[in-house]
Protein backbone atom coordinates (compact mmCIF):
# COMPACT_ATOMS: atom_id res chain seq x y z
CA MET A 1 -19.48 10.45 -1.91
CA SER A 2 -16.92 12.31 -3.87
CA ASN A 3 -13.53 10.57 -4.41
CA LEU A 4 -11.81 13.33 -2.37
CA ILE A 5 -13.82 12.74 0.87
CA LYS A 6 -13.62 9.00 0.39
CA ASN A 7 -9.90 9.13 0.06
CA ILE A 8 -9.57 11.47 3.07
CA ILE A 9 -11.51 9.10 5.06
CA ARG A 10 -9.35 6.05 3.92
CA PHE A 11 -6.31 8.07 4.92
CA ILE A 12 -7.53 8.65 8.60
CA LEU A 13 -8.81 5.21 8.90
CA PHE A 14 -5.66 3.32 7.56
CA ILE A 15 -3.41 5.42 9.82
CA LEU A 16 -5.78 4.75 12.97
CA VAL A 17 -6.02 1.03 12.27
CA GLN A 18 -2.27 0.81 11.78
CA VAL A 19 -1.26 2.88 14.88
CA PHE A 20 -3.98 1.82 17.33
CA VAL A 21 -4.71 -1.89 16.22
CA LEU A 22 -1.86 -3.41 14.21
CA ASN A 23 1.03 -1.71 16.03
CA ARG A 24 -0.28 -2.84 19.43
CA ILE A 25 0.02 -6.48 18.32
CA PRO A 26 3.12 -7.84 19.95
CA PRO A 27 5.59 -9.02 17.04
CA ILE A 28 5.16 -12.76 16.17
CA HIS A 29 8.49 -14.61 16.70
CA GLN A 30 10.27 -11.33 17.26
CA PHE A 31 10.16 -10.28 13.56
CA ILE A 32 6.71 -10.47 11.98
CA VAL A 33 4.95 -7.22 12.03
CA PRO A 34 1.71 -6.76 10.14
CA TYR A 35 1.52 -3.63 7.81
CA VAL A 36 -1.66 -2.82 5.94
CA TYR A 37 -1.30 1.03 5.93
CA PHE A 38 0.18 1.30 2.54
CA LEU A 39 -3.00 -0.23 0.78
CA PHE A 40 -4.12 3.47 0.92
CA ILE A 41 -1.65 4.29 -1.90
CA LEU A 42 -2.42 1.11 -3.76
CA TRP A 43 -6.14 2.05 -3.65
CA LEU A 44 -5.64 5.52 -5.19
CA PRO A 45 -7.25 6.34 -8.43
CA PHE A 46 -5.76 5.64 -11.67
CA SER A 47 -5.91 8.95 -12.85
CA ILE A 48 -4.06 10.68 -9.97
CA ASN A 49 -1.23 12.95 -11.13
CA ARG A 50 2.20 11.30 -10.55
CA LEU A 51 3.62 14.19 -8.84
CA PHE A 52 0.52 14.45 -6.41
CA LEU A 53 0.70 10.77 -5.87
CA LEU A 54 4.27 11.04 -4.59
CA PHE A 55 3.45 13.97 -2.43
CA THR A 56 0.42 12.17 -1.01
CA GLY A 57 2.42 9.01 -0.34
CA PHE A 58 5.20 11.20 1.32
CA VAL A 59 2.50 12.93 3.62
CA PHE A 60 0.74 9.68 4.49
CA GLY A 61 4.00 8.01 5.50
CA LEU A 62 5.02 11.14 7.45
CA CYS A 63 1.71 11.19 9.36
CA LEU A 64 2.28 7.51 10.22
CA ASP A 65 5.79 8.41 11.40
CA TYR A 66 4.35 11.20 13.58
CA PHE A 67 2.32 8.74 15.40
CA THR A 68 4.78 5.87 15.72
CA GLY A 69 7.94 7.97 16.45
CA THR A 70 9.94 6.73 13.55
CA PRO A 71 11.01 10.03 11.87
CA GLY A 72 11.11 9.23 8.05
CA LEU A 73 10.91 5.48 8.07
CA HIS A 74 7.46 5.05 6.81
CA ALA A 75 7.64 8.31 4.61
CA ALA A 76 10.43 6.86 2.71
CA CYS A 77 8.72 3.63 2.06
CA CYS A 78 5.36 5.21 1.07
CA THR A 79 7.24 7.48 -1.17
CA LEU A 80 8.92 4.51 -2.86
CA ILE A 81 5.58 2.63 -3.25
CA ALA A 82 4.04 5.79 -4.86
CA TYR A 83 6.87 6.06 -7.22
CA ILE A 84 6.78 2.54 -8.31
CA ARG A 85 2.97 2.08 -8.52
CA PRO A 86 2.41 4.01 -11.91
CA PHE A 87 5.16 1.92 -13.67
CA LEU A 88 3.76 -1.35 -12.27
CA LEU A 89 0.26 -0.54 -13.35
CA ASN A 90 1.52 0.32 -16.91
CA ILE A 91 3.26 -3.25 -17.07
CA LEU A 92 0.52 -5.22 -15.61
CA ILE A 93 -2.75 -3.87 -17.31
CA PRO A 94 -3.59 -2.83 -20.80
CA GLN A 95 -3.81 1.07 -21.13
CA GLU A 96 -6.72 1.24 -23.38
CA THR A 97 -9.08 -0.73 -21.36
CA THR A 98 -8.91 -0.58 -17.66
CA GLU A 99 -7.59 2.79 -16.98
CA GLN A 100 -10.11 4.28 -19.13
CA SER A 101 -12.95 2.25 -17.86
CA TYR A 102 -12.41 2.22 -14.08
CA LEU A 103 -11.60 4.74 -11.44
CA GLU A 104 -9.18 2.83 -9.26
CA PRO A 105 -7.20 -0.44 -8.94
CA SER A 106 -9.35 -3.32 -7.62
CA ILE A 107 -9.82 -7.00 -8.20
CA LYS A 108 -12.83 -6.18 -10.46
CA SER A 109 -11.13 -3.63 -12.47
CA MET A 110 -7.79 -5.57 -12.99
CA GLY A 111 -8.81 -9.11 -12.48
CA TRP A 112 -7.44 -11.42 -9.82
CA ALA A 113 -4.06 -12.37 -11.19
CA PRO A 114 -2.84 -8.94 -12.08
CA TYR A 115 -4.21 -7.45 -8.98
CA SER A 116 -2.77 -10.02 -6.93
CA LEU A 117 0.66 -9.40 -8.58
CA TYR A 118 0.44 -5.72 -7.99
CA VAL A 119 -0.22 -6.15 -4.41
CA LEU A 120 2.30 -8.80 -3.94
CA LEU A 121 5.23 -6.92 -5.60
CA LEU A 122 4.38 -3.65 -3.99
CA THR A 123 4.16 -5.43 -0.56
CA ILE A 124 7.41 -7.17 -1.02
CA ILE A 125 9.19 -3.90 -2.02
CA HIS A 126 7.54 -2.09 0.92
CA ASN A 127 8.63 -4.67 3.59
CA THR A 128 12.30 -5.10 2.02
CA TYR A 129 12.86 -1.22 2.06
CA LEU A 130 11.31 -0.88 5.52
CA THR A 131 13.41 -3.66 7.01
CA LEU A 132 16.70 -2.45 5.22
CA ILE A 133 16.08 1.20 6.47
CA GLU A 134 15.31 -0.25 10.09
CA TRP A 135 18.54 -1.91 10.12
CA LEU A 136 20.65 0.09 7.80
CA GLN A 137 22.62 -2.96 7.06
CA PHE A 138 21.75 -6.65 5.96
CA GLY A 139 23.50 -8.10 9.04
CA ASN A 140 22.29 -11.59 9.27
CA LEU A 141 20.88 -12.29 5.83
CA LEU A 142 18.78 -15.39 6.95
CA TYR A 143 17.19 -13.05 9.60
CA PHE A 144 16.69 -10.35 7.10
CA LEU A 145 14.85 -12.41 4.60
CA GLY A 146 12.87 -14.35 7.39
CA LYS A 147 11.69 -10.87 8.72
CA VAL A 148 10.89 -9.81 5.06
CA ALA A 149 9.05 -13.05 4.20
CA GLY A 150 7.11 -13.29 7.48
CA THR A 151 6.03 -9.61 7.49
CA THR A 152 5.05 -9.91 3.78
CA ALA A 153 2.99 -13.08 4.42
CA ILE A 154 1.11 -11.58 7.28
CA SER A 155 0.52 -8.39 5.36
CA LEU A 156 -0.75 -10.04 2.35
CA LEU A 157 -3.06 -12.10 4.37
CA LEU A 158 -4.56 -9.00 6.16
CA ILE A 159 -4.67 -6.94 2.74
CA PHE A 160 -6.75 -9.86 1.02
CA ILE A 161 -8.93 -10.15 4.20
CA THR A 162 -9.39 -6.43 3.89
CA GLU A 163 -10.43 -6.65 0.25
CA MET A 164 -13.04 -9.34 1.09
CA LEU A 165 -14.45 -7.49 4.03
CA PHE A 166 -14.68 -4.10 2.51
CA PHE A 167 -15.55 -4.90 -1.08
CA ARG A 168 -15.09 -1.92 -3.09
CA LYS A 169 -17.61 -1.28 -5.99
CA ALA A 170 -15.70 -0.70 -9.17
CA LYS A 171 -16.98 2.55 -10.47
CA TYR A 172 -16.81 3.23 -14.20
CA ARG A 173 -15.35 6.57 -15.36
CA THR A 174 -17.80 8.85 -17.02
CA ASN A 175 -17.40 11.42 -19.76
CA ALA A 176 -18.47 14.27 -17.46
CA ALA A 177 -15.85 16.47 -16.37
């Protein structure tokens, strides 16, 4: 299956799972909401053009906003994640090995520690920005930090369960164009 078809299927599946499964779960303790949809952006190939990555992140978030009725909320967060992702990958992995050998970020291509840090940092950034935009103020700082920490913890749990259930074969790049 080509990468384009695979990513289109992922695009649709992540939106459907977020909208029809995870958003239907009542919030735990009034502030823990599971988010896994942005894993689509984290799983995009290494070689994707940065401008196209930003555009994809924006369109992906906008599609989710359409289904959830939150105009621009998820689009802003997905665009931020898409903007930060290349910089974080440049810091976490050596350029001469992984990006030239593998097609997309995964545990196998990056290793457990860098991949976990990659997912952790982008999840914290996503949830902090999402919560801040939802409120447009800090308000009660402990409530804000509790919501970010709780949402991040449940999201990370679901992301690593997704990683284990849907093991992605790490495909090597080839020299063919």
